Structure formats: C-alpha cells, structure tokens
Amino acid sequence: MGSQAPTMPLKDPSSGDGSPGQPASLPSFEPGSGRYQYVAAIGAGGMASVHSLRDLSLLRTVAIKVLDPNLANRPEEVSRFVREAQITAQLDHPNIVPVHELGTDASGNRYFTMKRVEGRTMTEWIAELDHPPASPEELHQLVMAYLKVCDAVGFAHSRGVLHCDLKPDNIMVGSFGQVYVMDWGLALVKAAPQMGKGVALAGAASQAAVTHNIGCGTPAFMAPEQAAGLPLSDATDVFALGALLYSILTGAPPYPHEDNLEAMAAAERCEFTLPRFSPANPVLMRLGQIIERAMKREPERRHRSVIELRDEVEAALRPPVPTLVFAPGSPIIVEGEPGDCAYIVVRGTCVAYRDVDGRRQILNRLTAGSVFGETALLSGGIRTASVQAEDEVVVRVISRQMFNDNVDRNTPFGTVVVAQANRFRTLDAGPGEGPDK
C-alpha cells in the first residue's frame, strides 16, 4: 500500500517563489512519486492534518489526511490511523466518503487520500438557520440530509462498524444534495458473535469487548455508556443520531457545557433538556418524541436499530392522513361527481369502471399502494370514472391542500403520490391505452 519515494517537496507559501505551498503551521508532508501537486491546507486536528492536492494523473482534486509526525512513534495512534483508512475504504456507500490510497511518504509520514468533498459542515448549515427552523422547506432539507446520515450509519452497522463520534462537525453537505459522514477515526468493529447479519470487514481487528477509553469522542453528543467507558453497541450510535437531530432542531448540542469534563459528567448522567414543541406543529412535535426515545439513558429503551429510527423520522415528515373503510360493493367515487380528493389503497381490492351505453366497462383493478381520483384533483374537474370496493377496502384520503403541499416536494409522500398519479393518470383513456388497462 505504500507509495514510491517522493520527488516534489512542499514549499512554504511565504517563500515568494509563486509555488503552491504548505502552511508552516501544519506538519510537513511530501506527496509521493510526483503524482500530486499541493493546493491548500484544509485543516488540522489533534491527530492529523487534511490538505487538498491535485492528482496530476487523473486530473482531479483529492483530499489527503496525514498523521501528525509527532505520533509516528506511537504504535497505537498509527494503528488507529491505518484502521480508519481501512474501515472507511471498505464502507462502500454513497454517503460515506471514498478512500483512494493508503501510504507512507519518504519522511515516514502515514497518509491516505480520499474524495475531496466540496461543501460545508452540518454545523455551519445549522448555524445559519433559526431554531427550530422557521421555514418548512428549511426543516425539510435538513431532515432529508439527516436521513442520508442514518442511511450511512445503518449501512456501517450492517458491516459491524460503530462510528462512535457522530456530530454535525463530522457531516459534510454539498450544494447539490451530497451528504457524507466523515471522520471514522474512532470507529469500532464489533466482535463477530455480535455482528448478526451483514459482511465483516476484511483485515479490521474485531474487539471482543466493544468499549472506548473514557474521553474518546465528543462529550456534547455522547451516549451515557460511552461517557462511562462501558461496552458500546448499535444503540450508542442511535443515541448520537438522536443528539444530532436535537442539534438540528435547537441549534445546540444536548450537553452545551464549555468544559469537557462537565459535558462528560452530564452525558454520563444523561442530563439534558428535551425540546418541547407546540401541537400546532405536528411534525416538530413528532420529531421531539423521536429524540426522546433515541436518547433514553438505557440502551435497550432506544430504537432497536438506526433503520428503525430513520423510518420514524421519515414518517414524521408525512402529514397526518385520514383513513376510511368501505364495505364490499360500496362506491368510493362516482363518475360525474366533483373531484376534491384522491385516495391511496391501504388494503383490499377495488375496481375502476365507466358506464358506457348502460354497460359497465372495467378499466382497472386497484390493490394496496394504488392511487386513484388524482386526475380530477389535478384538473379541478369532475370524476371521469367510478371506483367500487370489491372486498373490504381501507383507503387514505388525500385532500387537495395536502396534495398541493406535497406534489412538488421531494418527500417520500410526494414521491409516492406523483409516481402513482403518473401511473394512473391515463385511467380515463380507456382499456388498452394505459400501462395497467
């Protein structure tokens, strides 16, 4: 995995020779084999620095993470750095940043290159907004990004990996909907008996006792068991995702203490103030209830998985939808009547038909998941067909206002309505002219 000897040392930008250079405040780094051209520093933390490089072979910009040279003689830190690269590289998911190369430069510095993510952290995004977000669209965009974070963490769990440091600073958001969960440096690999379904990572040492040293992680977002140095599990990341949602809605972490020891103590006691939202905003109220469950002190009382948490958050975005039950043979809509709502079939079978010269002309049979009545809703006209229950039918009723609020929005509810509306919009064309006639 190592690179060839470097041929292009980095220059200090103050040298005056016009070359792109290395800020003196960051550790020295020499990219190998003449393949890379230094562009700029991105930032530095306690363990590593991150820089932007130009890949002269593939003509793209990449990010490079370099272990602090002061840690090069500490095997535990070197091992953690290598494990971060190896774990991240094997988590092949659209919302986890891809790793390209792991190597060592001529000076012995360990590094790995990865996709250069253009954008801002979720921390920066949250700081720009009111709290809770005043605009429904702002809330929707934030929560949709949050769902992608859940997707990434849920995938990692399926591979036996816990992130252990989820927070807004470790989430990058691009200008075109890209979301990346970053910084897997504290990630733990669960021991094989605990992994359940999924594929184990190659070459990543499993840990029989999945624990962290006390102090590893970010106290402001930490689960009680992590703060206490107890065994960790999927529920630890569930708690952190609840804390992330808390931050999205309130603009602050659950434990906002400036002193890390105070934050750690509060995290161990699970002492935080839950956000309370008015019933006048049912989406916020429901998200508050989800936070309360995800951040229970006892791991077994939280959501059973990240995916269960994700699904609850996604469901909270959907407006409450009335449900009606029709007995077998009952009319649901009647041809010629005004169309002021649409229906989604939850259970049962109904038949769509027209009366043509006194005879019933069957257009379609609609089962669970089908939408009907949307043509008149879209056009503001009258019903062009009748729908009757064949057996007991349960439907959700979509009002005109609800339809208008969601049809152009990229929500799961809106997507379903639009897809089904497109599918059945040709219902009034007659048999044989639509995809399901």
Protein backbone atom coordinates (compact mmCIF):
# COMPACT_ATOMS: atom_id res chain seq x y z
CA MET A 1 0.00 0.00 0.00
CA GLY A 2 2.97 2.32 0.31
CA SER A 3 3.94 4.89 -2.30
CA GLN A 4 7.18 5.38 -4.17
CA ALA A 5 9.77 7.88 -2.99
CA PRO A 6 8.54 11.45 -3.32
CA THR A 7 10.01 13.81 -5.88
CA MET A 8 8.14 17.03 -5.05
CA PRO A 9 8.72 18.53 -1.60
CA LEU A 10 6.22 21.10 -0.44
CA LYS A 11 7.21 24.75 -0.23
CA ASP A 12 6.21 27.28 2.35
CA PRO A 13 3.79 29.80 0.80
CA SER A 14 5.85 32.65 2.23
CA SER A 15 8.92 31.63 0.22
CA GLY A 16 7.94 34.01 -2.56
CA ASP A 17 8.61 31.61 -5.44
CA GLY A 18 4.99 31.53 -6.56
CA SER A 19 4.58 27.79 -5.93
CA PRO A 20 1.56 26.49 -4.10
CA GLY A 21 2.83 25.71 -0.65
CA GLN A 22 2.46 24.21 2.77
CA PRO A 23 1.45 26.49 5.64
CA ALA A 24 4.13 26.49 8.30
CA SER A 25 1.52 25.75 10.99
CA LEU A 26 0.77 22.30 9.56
CA PRO A 27 3.05 19.26 9.62
CA SER A 28 5.46 18.86 6.71
CA PHE A 29 4.23 16.49 4.02
CA GLU A 30 5.74 15.33 0.75
CA PRO A 31 3.36 13.55 -1.65
CA GLY A 32 4.94 10.61 -3.42
CA SER A 33 6.06 9.78 -6.95
CA GLY A 34 5.43 13.24 -8.44
CA ARG A 35 1.77 12.35 -8.88
CA TYR A 36 0.36 15.11 -6.67
CA GLN A 37 0.61 18.88 -6.64
CA TYR A 38 -0.08 20.66 -3.38
CA VAL A 39 -3.08 23.01 -3.47
CA ALA A 40 -4.04 24.18 0.01
CA ALA A 41 -4.45 23.30 3.64
CA ILE A 42 -7.95 22.32 4.72
CA GLY A 43 -7.46 21.98 8.46
CA ALA A 44 -5.75 20.21 11.33
CA GLY A 45 -6.91 18.37 14.43
CA GLY A 46 -5.22 16.74 17.37
CA MET A 47 -4.21 13.65 15.41
CA ALA A 48 -3.89 14.59 11.75
CA SER A 49 -3.99 17.36 9.19
CA VAL A 50 -6.02 17.44 5.98
CA HIS A 51 -4.85 19.04 2.73
CA SER A 52 -6.08 19.49 -0.81
CA LEU A 53 -3.94 18.04 -3.61
CA ARG A 54 -4.15 17.97 -7.39
CA ASP A 55 -3.88 14.45 -8.80
CA LEU A 56 -1.79 15.12 -11.94
CA SER A 57 -2.51 11.67 -13.36
CA LEU A 58 -6.31 11.67 -13.08
CA LEU A 59 -6.65 15.48 -13.22
CA ARG A 60 -8.82 15.71 -10.14
CA THR A 61 -8.56 17.30 -6.73
CA VAL A 62 -8.32 14.95 -3.78
CA ALA A 63 -8.07 15.35 -0.04
CA ILE A 64 -5.17 13.85 1.86
CA LYS A 65 -5.17 13.12 5.58
CA VAL A 66 -1.70 13.00 7.17
CA LEU A 67 -0.94 11.59 10.60
CA ASP A 68 0.81 14.12 12.85
CA PRO A 69 4.55 13.26 12.69
CA ASN A 70 4.70 13.59 16.48
CA LEU A 71 2.50 10.48 16.66
CA ALA A 72 4.55 8.41 14.20
CA ASN A 73 6.40 6.60 17.01
CA ARG A 74 3.22 5.72 18.89
CA PRO A 75 2.04 2.35 17.53
CA GLU A 76 -1.45 2.72 18.99
CA GLU A 77 -2.05 6.02 17.15
CA VAL A 78 -0.53 4.71 13.91
CA SER A 79 -2.75 1.62 14.14
CA ARG A 80 -5.85 3.76 14.73
CA PHE A 81 -4.99 5.94 11.73
CA VAL A 82 -4.48 2.91 9.45
CA ARG A 83 -7.69 1.30 10.73
CA GLU A 84 -9.63 4.49 9.95
CA ALA A 85 -8.44 4.33 6.34
CA GLN A 86 -9.11 0.61 6.01
CA ILE A 87 -12.56 0.74 7.61
CA THR A 88 -13.68 3.78 5.61
CA ALA A 89 -12.38 2.28 2.36
CA GLN A 90 -14.50 -0.84 2.87
CA LEU A 91 -17.70 1.05 3.66
CA ASP A 92 -18.77 1.48 0.05
CA HIS A 93 -21.83 3.72 0.41
CA PRO A 94 -22.98 6.91 -1.37
CA ASN A 95 -22.95 8.84 1.93
CA ILE A 96 -19.51 7.72 3.12
CA VAL A 97 -16.51 9.43 1.58
CA PRO A 98 -14.45 7.07 -0.66
CA VAL A 99 -10.81 6.38 0.24
CA HIS A 100 -8.36 6.03 -2.67
CA GLU A 101 -4.90 5.19 -1.31
CA LEU A 102 -3.07 4.43 1.94
CA GLY A 103 0.65 5.03 2.03
CA THR A 104 3.82 6.41 3.63
CA ASP A 105 5.88 9.28 2.25
CA ALA A 106 9.70 9.47 2.16
CA SER A 107 9.79 11.09 5.59
CA GLY A 108 7.80 8.26 7.10
CA ASN A 109 4.53 10.17 7.36
CA ARG A 110 1.45 7.93 7.15
CA TYR A 111 -1.33 9.27 4.93
CA PHE A 112 -4.39 8.30 2.98
CA THR A 113 -6.09 10.06 0.08
CA MET A 114 -9.82 10.34 -0.35
CA LYS A 115 -12.52 12.14 -2.29
CA ARG A 116 -12.31 15.90 -1.88
CA VAL A 117 -15.72 16.91 -0.56
CA GLU A 118 -16.81 20.39 -1.57
CA GLY A 119 -19.35 21.94 0.74
CA ARG A 120 -19.87 22.88 4.36
CA THR A 121 -20.32 21.04 7.60
CA MET A 122 -23.76 20.49 9.01
CA THR A 123 -22.59 22.67 11.93
CA GLU A 124 -22.22 25.62 9.55
CA TRP A 125 -25.59 24.92 7.95
CA ILE A 126 -27.37 24.70 11.29
CA ALA A 127 -25.77 27.96 12.45
CA GLU A 128 -27.33 29.85 9.53
CA LEU A 129 -30.92 29.00 10.48
CA ASP A 130 -33.48 29.88 13.12
CA HIS A 131 -34.26 27.21 15.69
CA PRO A 132 -36.42 25.41 15.23
CA PRO A 133 -36.18 26.15 11.50
CA ALA A 134 -38.89 28.71 10.74
CA SER A 135 -39.40 27.62 7.14
CA PRO A 136 -40.96 24.20 6.46
CA GLU A 137 -38.64 23.92 3.45
CA GLU A 138 -35.54 24.51 5.59
CA LEU A 139 -36.67 21.89 8.07
CA HIS A 140 -37.44 19.50 5.24
CA GLN A 141 -33.99 19.94 3.66
CA LEU A 142 -32.20 19.41 6.95
CA VAL A 143 -34.19 16.32 7.82
CA MET A 144 -33.70 14.85 4.34
CA ALA A 145 -29.93 15.27 4.83
CA TYR A 146 -30.30 13.66 8.25
CA LEU A 147 -31.98 10.63 6.66
CA LYS A 148 -28.90 10.17 4.46
CA VAL A 149 -26.71 10.22 7.57
CA CYS A 150 -28.91 7.47 9.02
CA ASP A 151 -28.55 5.50 5.78
CA ALA A 152 -24.75 5.67 6.03
CA VAL A 153 -24.63 4.70 9.70
CA GLY A 154 -27.18 1.92 9.19
CA PHE A 155 -25.01 0.53 6.38
CA ALA A 156 -21.92 0.69 8.61
CA HIS A 157 -23.79 -1.22 11.31
CA SER A 158 -24.65 -3.91 8.76
CA ARG A 159 -20.89 -4.33 8.32
CA GLY A 160 -20.28 -4.49 12.06
CA VAL A 161 -18.91 -0.95 12.41
CA LEU A 162 -19.86 1.66 15.01
CA HIS A 163 -18.96 5.28 14.22
CA CYS A 164 -18.80 6.47 17.87
CA ASP A 165 -18.35 10.18 17.07
CA LEU A 166 -21.44 11.34 15.20
CA LYS A 167 -21.94 15.11 15.34
CA PRO A 168 -22.65 18.00 12.92
CA ASP A 169 -18.91 18.72 12.54
CA ASN A 170 -18.41 15.25 11.03
CA ILE A 171 -21.08 15.61 8.37
CA MET A 172 -20.33 17.39 5.11
CA VAL A 173 -23.14 18.72 2.92
CA GLY A 174 -22.66 19.70 -0.72
CA SER A 175 -24.55 22.20 -2.83
CA PHE A 176 -26.39 19.56 -4.84
CA GLY A 177 -27.72 17.28 -2.12
CA GLN A 178 -24.49 15.38 -1.38
CA VAL A 179 -24.17 14.26 2.24
CA TYR A 180 -21.10 12.50 3.64
CA VAL A 181 -20.46 11.05 7.09
CA MET A 182 -16.80 11.81 7.76
CA ASP A 183 -14.10 11.01 10.31
CA TRP A 184 -14.27 7.30 11.15
CA GLY A 185 -11.13 7.61 13.29
CA LEU A 186 -12.91 6.42 16.45
CA ALA A 187 -14.89 3.69 14.68
CA LEU A 188 -15.06 0.29 16.36
CA VAL A 189 -15.53 -3.09 14.74
CA LYS A 190 -17.85 -5.35 16.67
CA ALA A 191 -16.79 -8.86 17.58
CA ALA A 192 -18.13 -11.48 15.16
CA PRO A 193 -20.75 -13.01 17.55
CA GLN A 194 -22.39 -9.60 17.95
CA MET A 195 -22.48 -8.70 14.29
CA GLY A 196 -25.63 -10.52 13.20
CA LYS A 197 -26.44 -10.16 9.53
CA GLY A 198 -24.00 -8.38 7.26
CA VAL A 199 -20.48 -8.81 5.92
CA ALA A 200 -17.47 -8.48 8.19
CA LEU A 201 -14.71 -6.09 7.17
CA ALA A 202 -11.51 -7.65 5.86
CA GLY A 203 -8.40 -7.08 7.90
CA ALA A 204 -10.11 -4.99 10.59
CA ALA A 205 -9.41 -6.39 14.03
CA SER A 206 -12.58 -7.25 15.93
CA GLN A 207 -12.84 -6.33 19.59
CA ALA A 208 -14.47 -8.80 21.95
CA ALA A 209 -15.30 -6.00 24.39
CA VAL A 210 -16.59 -3.15 22.28
CA THR A 211 -15.52 -0.27 24.51
CA HIS A 212 -13.76 3.04 24.24
CA ASN A 213 -11.34 4.70 26.55
CA ILE A 214 -13.15 7.29 28.64
CA GLY A 215 -12.67 10.63 26.90
CA CYS A 216 -12.70 9.29 23.33
CA GLY A 217 -15.43 11.00 21.35
CA THR A 218 -17.28 14.29 21.73
CA PRO A 219 -18.90 14.70 25.17
CA ALA A 220 -21.52 17.17 23.89
CA PHE A 221 -23.15 14.39 21.82
CA MET A 222 -22.11 11.30 23.79
CA ALA A 223 -24.26 8.41 24.98
CA PRO A 224 -24.13 7.68 28.73
CA GLU A 225 -22.46 4.29 28.29
CA GLN A 226 -19.74 5.87 26.14
CA ALA A 227 -19.10 8.58 28.72
CA ALA A 228 -18.83 5.92 31.42
CA GLY A 229 -16.45 3.72 29.43
CA LEU A 230 -18.96 0.85 29.29
CA PRO A 231 -19.44 -1.59 26.36
CA LEU A 232 -20.84 0.07 23.25
CA SER A 233 -23.40 -1.18 20.73
CA ASP A 234 -25.52 -0.03 17.81
CA ALA A 235 -27.64 1.79 20.40
CA THR A 236 -24.67 4.09 21.10
CA ASP A 237 -24.83 5.48 17.57
CA VAL A 238 -28.65 5.61 17.82
CA PHE A 239 -28.24 7.92 20.83
CA ALA A 240 -25.77 10.12 18.91
CA LEU A 241 -28.18 10.33 15.97
CA GLY A 242 -30.87 11.44 18.40
CA ALA A 243 -28.43 14.06 19.68
CA LEU A 244 -27.76 15.14 16.09
CA LEU A 245 -31.49 15.60 15.47
CA TYR A 246 -31.64 17.53 18.76
CA SER A 247 -28.97 19.87 17.42
CA ILE A 248 -30.79 20.32 14.10
CA LEU A 249 -33.96 21.44 15.87
CA THR A 250 -32.43 23.50 18.69
CA GLY A 251 -29.17 24.80 17.24
CA ALA A 252 -27.19 23.44 20.21
CA PRO A 253 -25.84 20.09 21.39
CA PRO A 254 -27.61 18.26 24.23
CA TYR A 255 -24.70 19.00 26.58
CA PRO A 256 -23.58 22.55 25.68
CA HIS A 257 -21.06 22.88 28.54
CA GLU A 258 -17.89 24.71 27.57
CA ASP A 259 -15.87 22.49 29.90
CA ASN A 260 -15.46 18.97 28.50
CA LEU A 261 -15.37 17.40 31.96
CA GLU A 262 -18.70 19.00 32.82
CA ALA A 263 -20.16 17.84 29.50
CA MET A 264 -18.82 14.33 30.11
CA ALA A 265 -20.39 14.22 33.56
CA ALA A 266 -23.72 15.42 32.17
CA ALA A 267 -23.50 12.82 29.40
CA GLU A 268 -22.86 10.03 31.90
CA ARG A 269 -25.92 11.15 33.89
CA CYS A 270 -27.88 11.70 30.65
CA GLU A 271 -28.90 15.15 31.85
CA PHE A 272 -30.25 17.31 29.05
CA THR A 273 -33.39 19.36 28.40
CA LEU A 274 -35.68 17.86 25.80
CA PRO A 275 -37.06 20.29 23.22
CA ARG A 276 -40.80 20.86 23.60
CA PHE A 277 -42.81 21.83 20.56
CA SER A 278 -46.37 23.01 20.15
CA PRO A 279 -49.07 20.61 18.93
CA ALA A 280 -49.75 23.31 16.34
CA ASN A 281 -46.66 21.98 14.54
CA PRO A 282 -47.22 18.20 14.47
CA VAL A 283 -44.00 17.49 12.52
CA LEU A 284 -41.81 19.18 15.13
CA MET A 285 -43.76 17.61 17.97
CA ARG A 286 -43.29 14.15 16.47
CA LEU A 287 -39.57 14.74 15.91
CA GLY A 288 -39.28 15.78 19.55
CA GLN A 289 -40.87 12.48 20.60
CA ILE A 290 -38.40 10.59 18.39
CA ILE A 291 -35.49 12.41 20.04
CA GLU A 292 -36.84 11.49 23.46
CA ARG A 293 -36.86 7.79 22.57
CA ALA A 294 -33.49 7.77 20.77
CA MET A 295 -31.78 9.45 23.73
CA LYS A 296 -33.06 7.22 26.52
CA ARG A 297 -30.44 6.56 29.17
CA GLU A 298 -30.92 2.80 28.92
CA PRO A 299 -29.75 1.48 25.51
CA GLU A 300 -32.48 -1.16 25.38
CA ARG A 301 -35.19 1.55 25.53
CA ARG A 302 -33.92 3.32 22.41
CA HIS A 303 -34.83 2.45 18.82
CA ARG A 304 -33.81 -1.11 18.08
CA SER A 305 -31.74 -0.02 15.09
CA VAL A 306 -30.67 3.03 13.11
CA ILE A 307 -33.06 1.97 10.35
CA GLU A 308 -35.99 1.94 12.77
CA LEU A 309 -35.01 5.46 13.87
CA ARG A 310 -34.68 6.54 10.26
CA ASP A 311 -38.09 5.17 9.34
CA GLU A 312 -39.75 7.01 12.25
CA VAL A 313 -38.15 10.30 11.20
CA GLU A 314 -39.21 9.77 7.60
CA ALA A 315 -42.77 9.01 8.71
CA ALA A 316 -42.81 12.22 10.77
CA LEU A 317 -42.41 14.23 7.56
CA ARG A 318 -45.65 12.86 6.19
CA PRO A 319 -48.80 14.80 7.02
CA PRO A 320 -51.50 13.00 9.01
CA VAL A 321 -53.79 11.28 6.54
CA PRO A 322 -57.42 10.34 7.32
CA THR A 323 -58.40 6.71 6.79
CA LEU A 324 -61.74 5.39 5.56
CA VAL A 325 -63.12 1.83 5.35
CA PHE A 326 -65.53 0.72 2.61
CA ALA A 327 -67.57 -2.48 2.77
CA PRO A 328 -67.65 -4.87 -0.20
CA GLY A 329 -69.74 -3.41 -3.04
CA SER A 330 -69.66 0.15 -1.67
CA PRO A 331 -68.99 3.04 -4.07
CA ILE A 332 -65.85 5.01 -3.26
CA ILE A 333 -66.07 7.60 -6.04
CA VAL A 334 -68.81 8.08 -8.62
CA GLU A 335 -68.37 9.17 -12.23
CA GLY A 336 -69.57 12.73 -12.81
CA GLU A 337 -69.16 13.96 -9.24
CA PRO A 338 -66.73 16.81 -8.36
CA GLY A 339 -63.24 15.57 -7.55
CA ASP A 340 -61.95 17.20 -4.38
CA CYS A 341 -59.68 14.44 -3.06
CA ALA A 342 -57.61 11.42 -4.09
CA TYR A 343 -57.23 8.03 -2.43
CA ILE A 344 -54.39 5.62 -1.67
CA VAL A 345 -55.40 1.99 -1.19
CA VAL A 346 -54.05 0.57 2.07
CA ARG A 347 -55.77 -2.81 1.99
CA GLY A 348 -58.24 -4.63 -0.21
CA THR A 349 -59.18 -4.53 -3.90
CA CYS A 350 -61.40 -2.10 -5.74
CA VAL A 351 -62.45 -1.84 -9.36
CA ALA A 352 -62.41 1.26 -11.57
CA TYR A 353 -65.05 1.33 -14.29
CA ARG A 354 -67.18 3.50 -16.59
CA ASP A 355 -70.78 3.20 -17.66
CA VAL A 356 -70.80 3.03 -21.46
CA ASP A 357 -74.24 2.77 -23.12
CA GLY A 358 -75.65 1.27 -19.95
CA ARG A 359 -72.90 -1.33 -19.63
CA ARG A 360 -70.05 -1.40 -17.11
CA GLN A 361 -66.65 -1.10 -18.77
CA ILE A 362 -63.87 -2.27 -16.41
CA LEU A 363 -60.80 -0.04 -16.56
CA ASN A 364 -58.59 -1.45 -13.82
CA ARG A 365 -58.40 -3.29 -10.52
CA LEU A 366 -56.59 -1.36 -7.82
CA THR A 367 -54.79 -3.00 -4.90
CA ALA A 368 -52.64 -1.87 -1.96
CA GLY A 369 -50.41 1.07 -2.91
CA SER A 370 -52.56 2.23 -5.83
CA VAL A 371 -53.69 5.85 -6.09
CA PHE A 372 -56.96 6.87 -7.73
CA GLY A 373 -59.03 10.00 -8.03
CA GLU A 374 -55.99 12.16 -8.68
CA THR A 375 -56.97 13.10 -12.26
CA ALA A 376 -59.92 15.20 -11.14
CA LEU A 377 -57.85 16.54 -8.27
CA LEU A 378 -55.12 17.71 -10.63
CA SER A 379 -57.51 19.20 -13.16
CA GLY A 380 -60.07 20.56 -10.73
CA GLY A 381 -62.76 18.83 -12.77
CA ILE A 382 -65.24 16.03 -12.28
CA ARG A 383 -64.72 12.31 -11.83
CA THR A 384 -64.20 10.53 -15.15
CA ALA A 385 -64.73 7.05 -13.74
CA SER A 386 -66.26 5.26 -10.77
CA VAL A 387 -64.44 3.12 -8.21
CA GLN A 388 -66.17 0.44 -6.17
CA ALA A 389 -64.89 -1.80 -3.35
CA GLU A 390 -64.73 -5.49 -4.34
CA ASP A 391 -63.96 -6.62 -0.80
CA GLU A 392 -63.40 -4.59 2.37
CA VAL A 393 -61.19 -1.69 1.29
CA VAL A 394 -59.16 0.64 3.52
CA VAL A 395 -58.02 3.89 1.90
CA ARG A 396 -56.15 7.03 2.94
CA VAL A 397 -57.79 10.25 1.81
CA ILE A 398 -55.58 12.93 0.24
CA SER A 399 -57.19 16.37 0.29
CA ARG A 400 -56.49 18.98 -2.37
CA GLN A 401 -54.45 21.06 0.09
CA MET A 402 -52.37 18.07 1.18
CA PHE A 403 -51.78 17.10 -2.44
CA ASN A 404 -50.70 20.63 -3.39
CA ASP A 405 -48.36 20.86 -0.40
CA ASN A 406 -46.52 17.65 -1.30
CA VAL A 407 -46.79 17.05 -5.04
CA ASP A 408 -43.79 19.26 -5.87
CA ARG A 409 -41.78 18.43 -2.77
CA ASN A 410 -39.11 15.76 -2.66
CA THR A 411 -40.65 13.90 0.25
CA PRO A 412 -41.39 10.19 0.37
CA PHE A 413 -45.09 11.08 0.49
CA GLY A 414 -44.82 13.39 -2.51
CA THR A 415 -42.78 10.85 -4.46
CA VAL A 416 -45.37 8.13 -3.93
CA VAL A 417 -48.25 10.40 -4.89
CA VAL A 418 -46.56 11.68 -8.04
CA ALA A 419 -45.42 8.21 -9.15
CA GLN A 420 -48.85 6.74 -8.66
CA ALA A 421 -50.56 9.77 -10.21
CA ASN A 422 -48.44 9.37 -13.33
CA ARG A 423 -49.24 5.67 -13.42
CA PHE A 424 -52.99 6.08 -13.23
CA ARG A 425 -53.46 9.46 -14.90
CA THR A 426 -54.42 7.71 -18.15
CA LEU A 427 -57.21 5.82 -16.40
CA ASP A 428 -59.79 7.81 -18.30
CA ALA A 429 -58.23 6.86 -21.65
CA GLY A 430 -59.99 3.52 -21.61
CA PRO A 431 -58.84 -0.11 -21.74
CA GLY A 432 -55.59 -0.86 -23.52
CA GLU A 433 -54.34 2.73 -23.66
CA GLY A 434 -52.59 2.92 -20.29
CA PRO A 435 -49.92 0.72 -18.70
CA ASP A 436 -52.40 -1.08 -16.45
CA LYS A 437 -55.56 -1.06 -18.53
